[in-house]
Amino acid sequence: MPRSIDNMLDLSQLPVSERREIRDFFQFLLTRKAATRKPDTSYRFSDLCGTLNWKGDAVALQRSLRDEW
């Protein structure tokens, strides 16, 4: 366990089986919290994208394509 539940609660009054159950549940909560944590840095998609160099008139091409329909 990353942290010890024994340092946070006094479980000595409980039977061994219940102490074990509480420790397991505590570990489950810590694991779930760690799994739902968002990464510190957001992913950048710029490395997946390319660039487009257009040498023509985009509006004229769009109109010619539209006129074909």
Protein backbone atom coordinates (compact mmCIF):
# COMPACT_ATOMS: atom_id res chain seq x y z
CA MET A 1 0.00 0.00 0.00
CA PRO A 2 1.25 3.50 -0.76
CA ARG A 3 0.01 4.75 2.61
CA SER A 4 -0.59 2.76 5.76
CA ILE A 5 -4.14 2.78 7.04
CA ASP A 6 -2.80 1.82 10.47
CA ASN A 7 -1.30 5.30 10.77
CA MET A 8 -4.67 6.92 10.09
CA LEU A 9 -7.10 4.79 12.10
CA ASP A 10 -7.00 2.66 15.20
CA LEU A 11 -8.33 -0.69 14.03
CA SER A 12 -7.13 -2.69 16.99
CA GLN A 13 -10.66 -3.12 18.37
CA LEU A 14 -11.87 -4.91 15.25
CA PRO A 15 -11.46 -8.61 14.47
CA VAL A 16 -8.66 -9.49 12.05
CA SER A 17 -11.05 -10.28 9.17
CA GLU A 18 -12.75 -6.87 9.43
CA ARG A 19 -9.39 -5.09 9.61
CA ARG A 20 -8.35 -6.86 6.43
CA GLU A 21 -11.62 -5.85 4.74
CA ILE A 22 -11.13 -2.21 5.70
CA ARG A 23 -7.53 -2.27 4.40
CA ASP A 24 -8.69 -3.80 1.12
CA PHE A 25 -11.40 -1.18 0.70
CA PHE A 26 -8.95 1.60 1.51
CA GLN A 27 -6.55 0.25 -1.13
CA PHE A 28 -9.43 0.08 -3.62
CA LEU A 29 -10.30 3.74 -3.00
CA LEU A 30 -6.67 4.82 -3.44
CA THR A 31 -6.38 2.85 -6.68
CA ARG A 32 -9.65 4.25 -8.03
CA LYS A 33 -8.58 7.79 -7.18
CA ALA A 34 -5.25 7.32 -8.95
CA ALA A 35 -6.98 5.86 -12.03
CA THR A 36 -9.43 8.76 -12.38
CA ARG A 37 -6.78 11.44 -12.01
CA LYS A 38 -6.23 13.42 -15.21
CA PRO A 39 -2.72 13.67 -16.58
CA ASP A 40 -0.91 16.89 -15.76
CA THR A 41 -0.24 17.75 -19.38
CA SER A 42 -2.81 17.67 -22.11
CA TYR A 43 -2.02 15.79 -25.28
CA ARG A 44 -1.11 17.90 -28.29
CA PHE A 45 -2.32 16.64 -31.64
CA SER A 46 -0.03 18.90 -33.65
CA ASP A 47 2.45 16.08 -34.20
CA LEU A 48 -0.30 14.03 -35.89
CA CYS A 49 -1.28 16.77 -38.32
CA GLY A 50 0.44 17.84 -41.46
CA THR A 51 0.36 21.12 -43.26
CA LEU A 52 -1.32 21.90 -46.52
CA ASN A 53 0.15 24.36 -48.98
CA TRP A 54 -2.62 25.48 -51.34
CA LYS A 55 -1.41 27.26 -54.48
CA GLY A 56 -4.79 27.80 -56.11
CA ASP A 57 -7.99 29.72 -55.45
CA ALA A 58 -9.97 27.67 -52.92
CA VAL A 59 -13.26 29.49 -53.57
CA ALA A 60 -13.03 29.00 -57.33
CA LEU A 61 -12.33 25.30 -56.89
CA GLN A 62 -15.22 24.94 -54.45
CA ARG A 63 -17.58 26.64 -56.90
CA SER A 64 -16.44 24.40 -59.77
CA LEU A 65 -17.02 21.31 -57.64
CA ARG A 66 -20.43 22.57 -56.58
CA ASP A 67 -21.41 23.32 -60.19
CA GLU A 68 -20.68 19.70 -61.11
CA TRP A 69 -23.65 18.59 -59.00
